[in-house]
């Protein structure tokens, strides 16, 4: 079964690179990059681990990888309504709306992050 995976990279070095941002009475998760890829298989959790969906194009040539990377020392806070730069294109507006929907539905809220950590 093919999968489309959106991988949000969160730097785990919280002391030097805080990824939680407080604003407007909410806590937002900041990501450094989003990688989007196709995968054609998954493995279930083993020994208490998480589900894995391989996305290495060196291993599986059917896997395509692309994404977005924030500039150095910047984060994209999923769901935070910071506005978009003037001249933003439709893709940027769609990504902003998608991120706000992820936050509003609690998929990318702190409680979801903490519950996925076990």
PDB file of N, CA and C in Angstrom:
ATOM      1  N   UNK A   1       0.841  -1.172   0.000  1.00  0.00           N
ATOM      2  CA  UNK A   1       0.000   0.000   0.000  1.00  0.00           C
ATOM      3  C   UNK A   1       0.896   1.249   0.000  1.00  0.00           C
ATOM      4  N   UNK A   2       0.730   2.167  -0.945  1.00  0.00           N
ATOM      5  CA  UNK A   2       1.553   3.378  -0.959  1.00  0.00           C
ATOM      6  C   UNK A   2       1.098   4.387   0.099  1.00  0.00           C
ATOM      7  N   UNK A   3       2.048   5.145   0.587  1.00  0.00           N
ATOM      8  CA  UNK A   3       1.795   6.177   1.587  1.00  0.00           C
ATOM      9  C   UNK A   3       2.396   7.487   1.116  1.00  0.00           C
ATOM     10  N   UNK A   4       1.780   8.595   1.481  1.00  0.00           N
ATOM     11  CA  UNK A   4       2.399   9.908   1.361  1.00  0.00           C
ATOM     12  C   UNK A   4       2.656  10.361   2.787  1.00  0.00           C
ATOM     13  N   UNK A   5       3.905  10.662   3.086  1.00  0.00           N
ATOM     14  CA  UNK A   5       4.315  10.977   4.448  1.00  0.00           C
ATOM     15  C   UNK A   5       4.771  12.429   4.519  1.00  0.00           C
ATOM     16  N   UNK A   6       4.287  13.133   5.540  1.00  0.00           N
ATOM     17  CA  UNK A   6       4.755  14.473   5.857  1.00  0.00           C
ATOM     18  C   UNK A   6       5.546  14.350   7.146  1.00  0.00           C
ATOM     19  N   UNK A   7       6.853  14.490   7.035  1.00  0.00           N
ATOM     20  CA  UNK A   7       7.750  14.337   8.187  1.00  0.00           C
ATOM     21  C   UNK A   7       8.135  15.728   8.694  1.00  0.00           C
ATOM     22  N   UNK A   8       7.711  16.054   9.923  1.00  0.00           N
ATOM     23  CA  UNK A   8       8.042  17.325  10.550  1.00  0.00           C
ATOM     24  C   UNK A   8       9.294  17.132  11.391  1.00  0.00           C
ATOM     25  N   UNK A   9      10.368  17.861  11.079  1.00  0.00           N
ATOM     26  CA  UNK A   9      11.594  17.718  11.851  1.00  0.00           C
ATOM     27  C   UNK A   9      11.594  18.705  13.004  1.00  0.00           C
ATOM     28  N   UNK A  10      11.662  18.161  14.222  1.00  0.00           N
ATOM     29  CA  UNK A  10      11.734  18.966  15.444  1.00  0.00           C
ATOM     30  C   UNK A  10      13.080  18.686  16.087  1.00  0.00           C
ATOM     31  N   UNK A  11      13.863  19.727  16.303  1.00  0.00           N
ATOM     32  CA  UNK A  11      15.171  19.578  16.932  1.00  0.00           C
ATOM     33  C   UNK A  11      14.974  19.227  18.399  1.00  0.00           C
ATOM     34  N   UNK A  12      15.562  18.147  18.849  1.00  0.00           N
ATOM     35  CA  UNK A  12      15.349  17.686  20.229  1.00  0.00           C
ATOM     36  C   UNK A  12      16.253  18.374  21.239  1.00  0.00           C
ATOM     37  N   UNK A  13      17.138  19.265  20.805  1.00  0.00           N
ATOM     38  CA  UNK A  13      18.025  19.997  21.708  1.00  0.00           C
ATOM     39  C   UNK A  13      17.294  21.232  22.224  1.00  0.00           C
ATOM     40  N   UNK A  14      16.322  21.000  23.115  1.00  0.00           N
ATOM     41  CA  UNK A  14      15.433  22.079  23.557  1.00  0.00           C
ATOM     42  C   UNK A  14      16.182  23.193  24.288  1.00  0.00           C
ATOM     43  N   UNK A  15      17.232  22.860  25.042  1.00  0.00           N
ATOM     44  CA  UNK A  15      17.959  23.891  25.790  1.00  0.00           C
ATOM     45  C   UNK A  15      18.613  24.918  24.867  1.00  0.00           C
ATOM     46  N   UNK A  16      19.144  24.472  23.759  1.00  0.00           N
ATOM     47  CA  UNK A  16      19.816  25.374  22.833  1.00  0.00           C
ATOM     48  C   UNK A  16      18.944  25.802  21.654  1.00  0.00           C
ATOM     49  N   UNK A  17      17.849  25.109  21.452  1.00  0.00           N
ATOM     50  CA  UNK A  17      17.006  25.390  20.290  1.00  0.00           C
ATOM     51  C   UNK A  17      15.547  25.131  20.662  1.00  0.00           C
ATOM     52  N   UNK A  18      14.939  26.028  21.458  1.00  0.00           N
ATOM     53  CA  UNK A  18      13.562  25.779  21.928  1.00  0.00           C
ATOM     54  C   UNK A  18      12.565  25.730  20.772  1.00  0.00           C
ATOM     55  N   UNK A  19      11.804  24.665  20.728  1.00  0.00           N
ATOM     56  CA  UNK A  19      10.864  24.476  19.631  1.00  0.00           C
ATOM     57  C   UNK A  19       9.420  24.744  20.021  1.00  0.00           C
ATOM     58  N   UNK A  20       9.171  25.122  21.263  1.00  0.00           N
ATOM     59  CA  UNK A  20       7.815  25.471  21.684  1.00  0.00           C
ATOM     60  C   UNK A  20       7.726  26.990  21.812  1.00  0.00           C
ATOM     61  N   UNK A  21       6.697  27.570  21.245  1.00  0.00           N
ATOM     62  CA  UNK A  21       6.524  29.021  21.282  1.00  0.00           C
ATOM     63  C   UNK A  21       5.149  29.352  21.845  1.00  0.00           C
ATOM     64  N   UNK A  22       5.132  30.211  22.829  1.00  0.00           N
ATOM     65  CA  UNK A  22       3.887  30.679  23.447  1.00  0.00           C
ATOM     66  C   UNK A  22       3.432  31.946  22.729  1.00  0.00           C
ATOM     67  N   UNK A  23       2.179  31.976  22.326  1.00  0.00           N
ATOM     68  CA  UNK A  23       1.610  33.169  21.707  1.00  0.00           C
ATOM     69  C   UNK A  23       0.094  33.092  21.757  1.00  0.00           C
ATOM     70  N   UNK A  24      -0.531  34.199  22.079  1.00  0.00           N
ATOM     71  CA  UNK A  24      -1.992  34.306  22.053  1.00  0.00           C
ATOM     72  C   UNK A  24      -2.683  33.243  22.917  1.00  0.00           C
ATOM     73  N   UNK A  25      -2.052  32.868  24.026  1.00  0.00           N
ATOM     74  CA  UNK A  25      -2.640  31.885  24.926  1.00  0.00           C
ATOM     75  C   UNK A  25      -2.509  30.447  24.474  1.00  0.00           C
ATOM     76  N   UNK A  26      -1.716  30.188  23.456  1.00  0.00           N
ATOM     77  CA  UNK A  26      -1.514  28.832  22.949  1.00  0.00           C
ATOM     78  C   UNK A  26      -0.026  28.521  22.889  1.00  0.00           C
ATOM     79  N   UNK A  27       0.294  27.243  22.846  1.00  0.00           N
ATOM     80  CA  UNK A  27       1.672  26.800  22.651  1.00  0.00           C
ATOM     81  C   UNK A  27       1.761  26.143  21.288  1.00  0.00           C
ATOM     82  N   UNK A  28       2.701  26.619  20.477  1.00  0.00           N
ATOM     83  CA  UNK A  28       2.872  26.129  19.120  1.00  0.00           C
ATOM     84  C   UNK A  28       4.176  25.355  19.004  1.00  0.00           C
ATOM     85  N   UNK A  29       4.179  24.348  18.131  1.00  0.00           N
ATOM     86  CA  UNK A  29       5.358  23.537  17.877  1.00  0.00           C
ATOM     87  C   UNK A  29       6.082  24.118  16.671  1.00  0.00           C
ATOM     88  N   UNK A  30       7.368  24.411  16.848  1.00  0.00           N
ATOM     89  CA  UNK A  30       8.170  24.937  15.753  1.00  0.00           C
ATOM     90  C   UNK A  30       8.961  23.824  15.087  1.00  0.00           C
ATOM     91  N   UNK A  31       8.888  23.763  13.780  1.00  0.00           N
ATOM     92  CA  UNK A  31       9.625  22.750  13.027  1.00  0.00           C
ATOM     93  C   UNK A  31      10.682  23.430  12.162  1.00  0.00           C
ATOM     94  N   UNK A  32      11.801  22.729  11.972  1.00  0.00           N
ATOM     95  CA  UNK A  32      12.876  23.252  11.127  1.00  0.00           C
ATOM     96  C   UNK A  32      12.648  22.944   9.661  1.00  0.00           C
ATOM     97  N   UNK A  33      12.010  21.821   9.397  1.00  0.00           N
ATOM     98  CA  UNK A  33      11.771  21.446   8.008  1.00  0.00           C
ATOM     99  C   UNK A  33      10.611  20.465   7.926  1.00  0.00           C
ATOM    100  N   UNK A  34      10.083  20.364   6.743  1.00  0.00           N
ATOM    101  CA  UNK A  34       9.053  19.371   6.433  1.00  0.00           C
ATOM    102  C   UNK A  34       9.554  18.615   5.212  1.00  0.00           C
ATOM    103  N   UNK A  35       9.642  17.313   5.344  1.00  0.00           N
ATOM    104  CA  UNK A  35       9.996  16.459   4.213  1.00  0.00           C
ATOM    105  C   UNK A  35       8.746  15.692   3.800  1.00  0.00           C
ATOM    106  N   UNK A  36       8.490  15.662   2.522  1.00  0.00           N
ATOM    107  CA  UNK A  36       7.329  14.962   1.984  1.00  0.00           C
ATOM    108  C   UNK A  36       7.853  13.876   1.056  1.00  0.00           C
ATOM    109  N   UNK A  37       7.381  12.651   1.280  1.00  0.00           N
ATOM    110  CA  UNK A  37       7.853  11.568   0.420  1.00  0.00           C
ATOM    111  C   UNK A  37       6.797  10.492   0.243  1.00  0.00           C
ATOM    112  N   UNK A  38       7.013   9.683  -0.790  1.00  0.00           N
ATOM    113  CA  UNK A  38       6.181   8.509  -1.054  1.00  0.00           C
ATOM    114  C   UNK A  38       6.874   7.301  -0.455  1.00  0.00           C
ATOM    115  N   UNK A  39       6.085   6.392   0.041  1.00  0.00           N
ATOM    116  CA  UNK A  39       6.627   5.132   0.512  1.00  0.00           C
ATOM    117  C   UNK A  39       5.675   4.030   0.093  1.00  0.00           C
ATOM    118  N   UNK A  40       6.201   2.840  -0.004  1.00  0.00           N
ATOM    119  CA  UNK A  40       5.383   1.727  -0.490  1.00  0.00           C
ATOM    120  C   UNK A  40       5.245   0.598   0.519  1.00  0.00           C
ATOM    121  N   UNK A  41       5.712   0.818   1.742  1.00  0.00           N
ATOM    122  CA  UNK A  41       5.576  -0.208   2.781  1.00  0.00           C
ATOM    123  C   UNK A  41       5.674   0.446   4.151  1.00  0.00           C
ATOM    124  N   UNK A  42       5.266  -0.281   5.148  1.00  0.00           N
ATOM    125  CA  UNK A  42       5.404   0.191   6.531  1.00  0.00           C
ATOM    126  C   UNK A  42       5.721  -1.009   7.411  1.00  0.00           C
ATOM    127  N   UNK A  43       6.283  -0.726   8.566  1.00  0.00           N
ATOM    128  CA  UNK A  43       6.527  -1.779   9.549  1.00  0.00           C
ATOM    129  C   UNK A  43       5.856  -1.369  10.842  1.00  0.00           C
ATOM    130  N   UNK A  44       5.252  -2.328  11.489  1.00  0.00           N
ATOM    131  CA  UNK A  44       4.549  -2.069  12.735  1.00  0.00           C
ATOM    132  C   UNK A  44       5.500  -1.850  13.897  1.00  0.00           C
ATOM    133  N   UNK A  45       4.953  -1.402  15.000  1.00  0.00           N
ATOM    134  CA  UNK A  45       5.812  -1.155  16.162  1.00  0.00           C
ATOM    135  C   UNK A  45       6.400  -2.462  16.702  1.00  0.00           C
ATOM    136  N   UNK A  46       7.676  -2.424  17.027  1.00  0.00           N
ATOM    137  CA  UNK A  46       8.331  -3.574  17.639  1.00  0.00           C
ATOM    138  C   UNK A  46       9.028  -3.120  18.904  1.00  0.00           C
ATOM    139  N   UNK A  47       8.955  -3.916  19.929  1.00  0.00           N
ATOM    140  CA  UNK A  47       9.586  -3.613  21.213  1.00  0.00           C
ATOM    141  C   UNK A  47       9.215  -2.221  21.720  1.00  0.00           C
ATOM    142  N   UNK A  48       7.948  -1.848  21.580  1.00  0.00           N
ATOM    143  CA  UNK A  48       7.491  -0.555  22.072  1.00  0.00           C
ATOM    144  C   UNK A  48       7.853   0.610  21.178  1.00  0.00           C
ATOM    145  N   UNK A  49       8.418   0.357  20.009  1.00  0.00           N
ATOM    146  CA  UNK A  49       8.812   1.428  19.094  1.00  0.00           C
ATOM    147  C   UNK A  49       7.625   1.957  18.318  1.00  0.00           C
ATOM    148  N   UNK A  50       7.910   2.863  17.420  1.00  0.00           N
ATOM    149  CA  UNK A  50       6.863   3.498  16.629  1.00  0.00           C
ATOM    150  C   UNK A  50       6.728   2.827  15.266  1.00  0.00           C
ATOM    151  N   UNK A  51       5.612   3.099  14.586  1.00  0.00           N
ATOM    152  CA  UNK A  51       5.445   2.676  13.211  1.00  0.00           C
ATOM    153  C   UNK A  51       6.504   3.351  12.374  1.00  0.00           C
ATOM    154  N   UNK A  52       7.035   2.665  11.400  1.00  0.00           N
ATOM    155  CA  UNK A  52       8.052   3.229  10.511  1.00  0.00           C
ATOM    156  C   UNK A  52       7.568   3.120   9.070  1.00  0.00           C
ATOM    157  N   UNK A  53       7.815   4.179   8.324  1.00  0.00           N
ATOM    158  CA  UNK A  53       7.519   4.195   6.901  1.00  0.00           C
ATOM    159  C   UNK A  53       8.800   4.633   6.207  1.00  0.00           C
ATOM    160  N   UNK A  54       9.509   3.700   5.550  1.00  0.00           N
ATOM    161  CA  UNK A  54      10.786   4.051   4.943  1.00  0.00           C
ATOM    162  C   UNK A  54      10.628   5.070   3.818  1.00  0.00           C
ATOM    163  N   UNK A  55      11.588   5.990   3.735  1.00  0.00           N
ATOM    164  CA  UNK A  55      11.536   7.001   2.694  1.00  0.00           C
ATOM    165  C   UNK A  55      12.895   7.329   2.114  1.00  0.00           C
ATOM    166  N   UNK A  56      13.819   6.388   2.161  1.00  0.00           N
ATOM    167  CA  UNK A  56      15.165   6.630   1.669  1.00  0.00           C
ATOM    168  C   UNK A  56      15.227   6.294   0.180  1.00  0.00           C
ATOM    169  N   UNK A  57      15.420   7.313  -0.657  1.00  0.00           N
ATOM    170  CA  UNK A  57      15.436   7.072  -2.104  1.00  0.00           C
ATOM    171  C   UNK A  57      16.659   6.276  -2.547  1.00  0.00           C
ATOM    172  N   UNK A  58      17.698   6.190  -1.703  1.00  0.00           N
ATOM    173  CA  UNK A  58      18.856   5.356  -2.043  1.00  0.00           C
ATOM    174  C   UNK A  58      18.533   3.871  -1.904  1.00  0.00           C
ATOM    175  N   UNK A  59      17.556   3.555  -1.078  1.00  0.00           N
ATOM    176  CA  UNK A  59      17.144   2.163  -0.861  1.00  0.00           C
ATOM    177  C   UNK A  59      16.014   1.775  -1.814  1.00  0.00           C
ATOM    178  N   UNK A  60      15.068   2.676  -2.003  1.00  0.00           N
ATOM    179  CA  UNK A  60      13.909   2.396  -2.852  1.00  0.00           C
ATOM    180  C   UNK A  60      13.781   3.523  -3.885  1.00  0.00           C
ATOM    181  N   UNK A  61      14.129   3.254  -5.145  1.00  0.00           N
ATOM    182  CA  UNK A  61      14.096   4.312  -6.159  1.00  0.00           C
ATOM    183  C   UNK A  61      12.699   4.858  -6.447  1.00  0.00           C
ATOM    184  N   UNK A  62      11.651   4.153  -5.999  1.00  0.00           N
ATOM    185  CA  UNK A  62      10.287   4.658  -6.197  1.00  0.00           C
ATOM    186  C   UNK A  62       9.976   5.811  -5.252  1.00  0.00           C
ATOM    187  N   UNK A  63      10.795   5.992  -4.239  1.00  0.00           N
ATOM    188  CA  UNK A  63      10.562   7.022  -3.238  1.00  0.00           C
ATOM    189  C   UNK A  63      11.033   8.370  -3.765  1.00  0.00           C
ATOM    190  N   UNK A  64      10.146   9.315  -3.784  1.00  0.00           N
ATOM    191  CA  UNK A  64      10.484  10.686  -4.157  1.00  0.00           C
ATOM    192  C   UNK A  64      10.474  11.528  -2.895  1.00  0.00           C
ATOM    193  N   UNK A  65      11.427  12.442  -2.756  1.00  0.00           N
ATOM    194  CA  UNK A  65      11.529  13.249  -1.544  1.00  0.00           C
ATOM    195  C   UNK A  65      11.655  14.716  -1.930  1.00  0.00           C
ATOM    196  N   UNK A  66      10.902  15.540  -1.229  1.00  0.00           N
ATOM    197  CA  UNK A  66      10.989  16.984  -1.414  1.00  0.00           C
ATOM    198  C   UNK A  66      10.481  17.614  -0.130  1.00  0.00           C
ATOM    199  N   UNK A  67      10.570  18.901  -0.026  1.00  0.00           N
ATOM    200  CA  UNK A  67      10.083  19.541   1.179  1.00  0.00           C
ATOM    201  C   UNK A  67      10.496  20.984   1.271  1.00  0.00           C
ATOM    202  N   UNK A  68      10.455  21.467   2.494  1.00  0.00           N
ATOM    203  CA  UNK A  68      10.734  22.858   2.782  1.00  0.00           C
ATOM    204  C   UNK A  68      11.665  22.921   3.980  1.00  0.00           C
ATOM    205  N   UNK A  69      12.628  23.824   3.929  1.00  0.00           N
ATOM    206  CA  UNK A  69      13.573  23.996   5.028  1.00  0.00           C
ATOM    207  C   UNK A  69      13.573  25.468   5.410  1.00  0.00           C
ATOM    208  N   UNK A  70      13.432  25.743   6.713  1.00  0.00           N
ATOM    209  CA  UNK A  70      13.489  27.123   7.191  1.00  0.00           C
ATOM    210  C   UNK A  70      14.920  27.637   7.146  1.00  0.00           C
ATOM    211  N   UNK A  71      15.081  28.947   7.005  1.00  0.00           N
ATOM    212  CA  UNK A  71      16.429  29.518   7.102  1.00  0.00           C
ATOM    213  C   UNK A  71      17.056  29.191   8.459  1.00  0.00           C
ATOM    214  N   UNK A  72      18.380  29.227   8.529  1.00  0.00           N
ATOM    215  CA  UNK A  72      19.123  28.926   9.761  1.00  0.00           C
ATOM    216  C   UNK A  72      18.557  29.702  10.946  1.00  0.00           C
ATOM    217  N   UNK A  73      18.399  29.026  12.066  1.00  0.00           N
ATOM    218  CA  UNK A  73      17.917  29.613  13.323  1.00  0.00           C
ATOM    219  C   UNK A  73      16.483  30.128  13.256  1.00  0.00           C
ATOM    220  N   UNK A  74      15.690  29.631  12.323  1.00  0.00           N
ATOM    221  CA  UNK A  74      14.279  29.993  12.262  1.00  0.00           C
ATOM    222  C   UNK A  74      13.439  28.726  12.305  1.00  0.00           C
ATOM    223  N   UNK A  75      12.205  28.876  12.771  1.00  0.00           N
ATOM    224  CA  UNK A  75      11.257  27.765  12.847  1.00  0.00           C
ATOM    225  C   UNK A  75       9.939  28.185  12.211  1.00  0.00           C
ATOM    226  N   UNK A  76       9.225  27.202  11.690  1.00  0.00           N
ATOM    227  CA  UNK A  76       7.861  27.430  11.232  1.00  0.00           C
ATOM    228  C   UNK A  76       6.962  26.873  12.322  1.00  0.00           C
ATOM    229  N   UNK A  77       6.190  27.729  12.961  1.00  0.00           N
ATOM    230  CA  UNK A  77       5.305  27.309  14.045  1.00  0.00           C
ATOM    231  C   UNK A  77       3.976  26.881  13.446  1.00  0.00           C
ATOM    232  N   UNK A  78       3.740  25.579  13.492  1.00  0.00           N
ATOM    233  CA  UNK A  78       2.558  24.992  12.873  1.00  0.00           C
ATOM    234  C   UNK A  78       1.289  25.565  13.494  1.00  0.00           C
ATOM    235  N   UNK A  79       0.476  26.218  12.667  1.00  0.00           N
ATOM    236  CA  UNK A  79      -0.809  26.739  13.103  1.00  0.00           C
ATOM    237  C   UNK A  79      -0.795  28.172  13.577  1.00  0.00           C
ATOM    238  N   UNK A  80       0.379  28.735  13.820  1.00  0.00           N
ATOM    239  CA  UNK A  80       0.445  30.113  14.290  1.00  0.00           C
ATOM    240  C   UNK A  80       0.099  31.050  13.136  1.00  0.00           C
ATOM    241  N   UNK A  81      -0.818  31.959  13.392  1.00  0.00           N
ATOM    242  CA  UNK A  81      -1.237  32.893  12.358  1.00  0.00           C
ATOM    243  C   UNK A  81      -0.337  34.117  12.401  1.00  0.00           C
ATOM    244  N   UNK A  82       0.827  33.995  11.789  1.00  0.00           N
ATOM    245  CA  UNK A  82       1.788  35.096  11.754  1.00  0.00           C
ATOM    246  C   UNK A  82       1.616  35.948  10.512  1.00  0.00           C
ATOM    247  N   UNK A  83       0.694  35.576   9.662  1.00  0.00           N
ATOM    248  CA  UNK A  83       0.565  36.270   8.395  1.00  0.00           C
ATOM    249  C   UNK A  83       1.622  35.770   7.420  1.00  0.00           C
ATOM    250  N   UNK A  84       1.434  36.087   6.195  1.00  0.00           N
ATOM    251  CA  UNK A  84       2.365  35.678   5.152  1.00  0.00           C
ATOM    252  C   UNK A  84       3.010  36.926   4.552  1.00  0.00           C
ATOM    253  N   UNK A  85       4.218  36.789   4.041  1.00  0.00           N
ATOM    254  CA  UNK A  85       4.851  37.935   3.395  1.00  0.00           C
ATOM    255  C   UNK A  85       4.040  38.423   2.201  1.00  0.00           C
ATOM    256  N   UNK A  86       4.102  39.713   1.927  1.00  0.00           N
ATOM    257  CA  UNK A  86       3.411  40.222   0.742  1.00  0.00           C
ATOM    258  C   UNK A  86       3.991  39.519  -0.484  1.00  0.00           C
ATOM    259  N   UNK A  87       3.129  39.264  -1.432  1.00  0.00           N
ATOM    260  CA  UNK A  87       3.568  38.566  -2.632  1.00  0.00           C
ATOM    261  C   UNK A  87       3.569  37.055  -2.488  1.00  0.00           C
ATOM    262  N   UNK A  88       3.006  36.534  -1.404  1.00  0.00           N
ATOM    263  CA  UNK A  88       2.961  35.087  -1.216  1.00  0.00           C
ATOM    264  C   UNK A  88       2.138  34.451  -2.324  1.00  0.00           C
ATOM    265  N   UNK A  89       2.590  33.287  -2.773  1.00  0.00           N
ATOM    266  CA  UNK A  89       1.869  32.611  -3.837  1.00  0.00           C
ATOM    267  C   UNK A  89       0.806  31.679  -3.259  1.00  0.00           C
ATOM    268  N   UNK A  90       0.061  31.047  -4.144  1.00  0.00           N
ATOM    269  CA  UNK A  90      -1.038  30.178  -3.714  1.00  0.00           C
ATOM    270  C   UNK A  90      -0.541  28.996  -2.890  1.00  0.00           C
ATOM    271  N   UNK A  91       0.624  28.444  -3.241  1.00  0.00           N
ATOM    272  CA  UNK A  91       1.169  27.333  -2.464  1.00  0.00           C
ATOM    273  C   UNK A  91       1.427  27.763  -1.024  1.00  0.00           C
ATOM    274  N   UNK A  92       2.006  28.928  -0.819  1.00  0.00           N
ATOM    275  CA  UNK A  92       2.261  29.412   0.537  1.00  0.00           C
ATOM    276  C   UNK A  92       0.948  29.624   1.295  1.00  0.00           C
ATOM    277  N   UNK A  93      -0.052  30.169   0.637  1.00  0.00           N
ATOM    278  CA  UNK A  93      -1.354  30.368   1.298  1.00  0.00           C
ATOM    279  C   UNK A  93      -1.984  29.028   1.650  1.00  0.00           C
ATOM    280  N   UNK A  94      -1.877  28.046   0.748  1.00  0.00           N
ATOM    281  CA  UNK A  94      -2.429  26.713   1.027  1.00  0.00           C
ATOM    282  C   UNK A  94      -1.706  26.043   2.196  1.00  0.00           C
ATOM    283  N   UNK A  95      -0.366  26.154   2.240  1.00  0.00           N
ATOM    284  CA  UNK A  95       0.394  25.577   3.354  1.00  0.00           C
ATOM    285  C   UNK A  95       0.004  26.211   4.680  1.00  0.00           C
ATOM    286  N   UNK A  96      -0.174  27.512   4.690  1.00  0.00           N
ATOM    287  CA  UNK A  96      -0.576  28.207   5.912  1.00  0.00           C
ATOM    288  C   UNK A  96      -1.941  27.717   6.384  1.00  0.00           C
ATOM    289  N   UNK A  97      -2.883  27.602   5.470  1.00  0.00           N
ATOM    290  CA  UNK A  97      -4.217  27.122   5.827  1.00  0.00           C
ATOM    291  C   UNK A  97      -4.162  25.675   6.318  1.00  0.00           C
ATOM    292  N   UNK A  98      -3.376  24.829   5.658  1.00  0.00           N
ATOM    293  CA  UNK A  98      -3.222  23.429   6.062  1.00  0.00           C
ATOM    294  C   UNK A  98      -2.654  23.348   7.477  1.00  0.00           C
ATOM    295  N   UNK A  99      -1.622  24.153   7.752  1.00  0.00           N
ATOM    296  CA  UNK A  99      -1.001  24.150   9.078  1.00  0.00           C
ATOM    297  C   UNK A  99      -1.979  24.620  10.145  1.00  0.00           C
ATOM    298  N   UNK A 100      -2.766  25.628   9.844  1.00  0.00           N
ATOM    299  CA  UNK A 100      -3.753  26.094  10.817  1.00  0.00           C
ATOM    300  C   UNK A 100      -4.806  25.021  11.082  1.00  0.00           C
ATOM    301  N   UNK A 101      -5.181  24.273  10.058  1.00  0.00           N
ATOM    302  CA  UNK A 101      -6.129  23.170  10.252  1.00  0.00           C
ATOM    303  C   UNK A 101      -5.511  22.047  11.087  1.00  0.00           C
ATOM    304  N   UNK A 102      -4.226  21.747  10.878  1.00  0.00           N
ATOM    305  CA  UNK A 102      -3.562  20.733  11.711  1.00  0.00           C
ATOM    306  C   UNK A 102      -3.593  21.143  13.176  1.00  0.00           C
ATOM    307  N   UNK A 103      -3.377  22.411  13.437  1.00  0.00           N
ATOM    308  CA  UNK A 103      -3.385  22.899  14.816  1.00  0.00           C
ATOM    309  C   UNK A 103      -4.802  22.881  15.388  1.00  0.00           C
ATOM    310  N   UNK A 104      -5.756  23.383  14.643  1.00  0.00           N
ATOM    311  CA  UNK A 104      -7.142  23.467  15.130  1.00  0.00           C
ATOM    312  C   UNK A 104      -7.725  22.097  15.437  1.00  0.00           C
ATOM    313  N   UNK A 105      -7.310  21.072  14.702  1.00  0.00           N
ATOM    314  CA  UNK A 105      -7.832  19.728  14.934  1.00  0.00           C
ATOM    315  C   UNK A 105      -6.978  18.941  15.930  1.00  0.00           C
ATOM    316  N   UNK A 106      -6.026  19.625  16.568  1.00  0.00           N
ATOM    317  CA  UNK A 106      -5.178  19.062  17.635  1.00  0.00           C
ATOM    318  C   UNK A 106      -4.165  18.041  17.141  1.00  0.00           C
ATOM    319  N   UNK A 107      -3.973  17.930  15.840  1.00  0.00           N
ATOM    320  CA  UNK A 107      -2.970  17.001  15.321  1.00  0.00           C
ATOM    321  C   UNK A 107      -1.575  17.513  15.637  1.00  0.00           C
ATOM    322  N   UNK A 108      -1.374  18.829  15.553  1.00  0.00           N
ATOM    323  CA  UNK A 108      -0.059  19.425  15.815  1.00  0.00           C
ATOM    324  C   UNK A 108      -0.115  20.376  17.005  1.00  0.00           C
ATOM    325  N   UNK A 109      -0.694  19.913  18.088  1.00  0.00           N
ATOM    326  CA  UNK A 109      -0.660  20.673  19.331  1.00  0.00           C
ATOM    327  C   UNK A 109       0.271  19.970  20.295  1.00  0.00           C
ATOM    328  N   UNK A 110       0.691  20.667  21.324  1.00  0.00           N
ATOM    329  CA  UNK A 110       1.650  20.113  22.276  1.00  0.00           C
ATOM    330  C   UNK A 110       1.134  18.827  22.909  1.00  0.00           C
ATOM    331  N   UNK A 111      -0.143  18.764  23.241  1.00  0.00           N
ATOM    332  CA  UNK A 111      -0.672  17.554  23.864  1.00  0.00           C
ATOM    333  C   UNK A 111      -0.556  16.355  22.946  1.00  0.00           C
ATOM    334  N   UNK A 112      -0.708  16.564  21.623  1.00  0.00           N
ATOM    335  CA  UNK A 112      -0.533  15.467  20.672  1.00  0.00           C
ATOM    336  C   UNK A 112       0.932  15.035  20.634  1.00  0.00           C
ATOM    337  N   UNK A 113       1.833  15.999  20.674  1.00  0.00           N
ATOM    338  CA  UNK A 113       3.265  15.681  20.674  1.00  0.00           C
ATOM    339  C   UNK A 113       3.630  14.889  21.918  1.00  0.00           C
ATOM    340  N   UNK A 114       3.170  15.327  23.070  1.00  0.00           N
ATOM    341  CA  UNK A 114       3.506  14.640  24.315  1.00  0.00           C
ATOM    342  C   UNK A 114       2.898  13.253  24.388  1.00  0.00           C
ATOM    343  N   UNK A 115       1.674  13.090  23.865  1.00  0.00           N
ATOM    344  CA  UNK A 115       1.048  11.765  23.921  1.00  0.00           C
ATOM    345  C   UNK A 115       1.733  10.793  22.967  1.00  0.00           C
ATOM    346  N   UNK A 116       2.339  11.301  21.888  1.00  0.00           N
ATOM    347  CA  UNK A 116       3.026  10.390  20.965  1.00  0.00           C
ATOM    348  C   UNK A 116       4.388   9.959  21.503  1.00  0.00           C
ATOM    349  N   UNK A 117       4.874  10.657  22.524  1.00  0.00           N
ATOM    350  CA  UNK A 117       6.177  10.294  23.115  1.00  0.00           C
ATOM    351  C   UNK A 117       6.043   9.183  24.131  1.00  0.00           C
ATOM    352  N   UNK A 118       4.845   8.768  24.402  1.00  0.00           N
ATOM    353  CA  UNK A 118       4.680   7.665  25.337  1.00  0.00           C
ATOM    354  C   UNK A 118       4.331   8.164  26.642  1.00  0.00           C
TER     355      UNK A 118
END
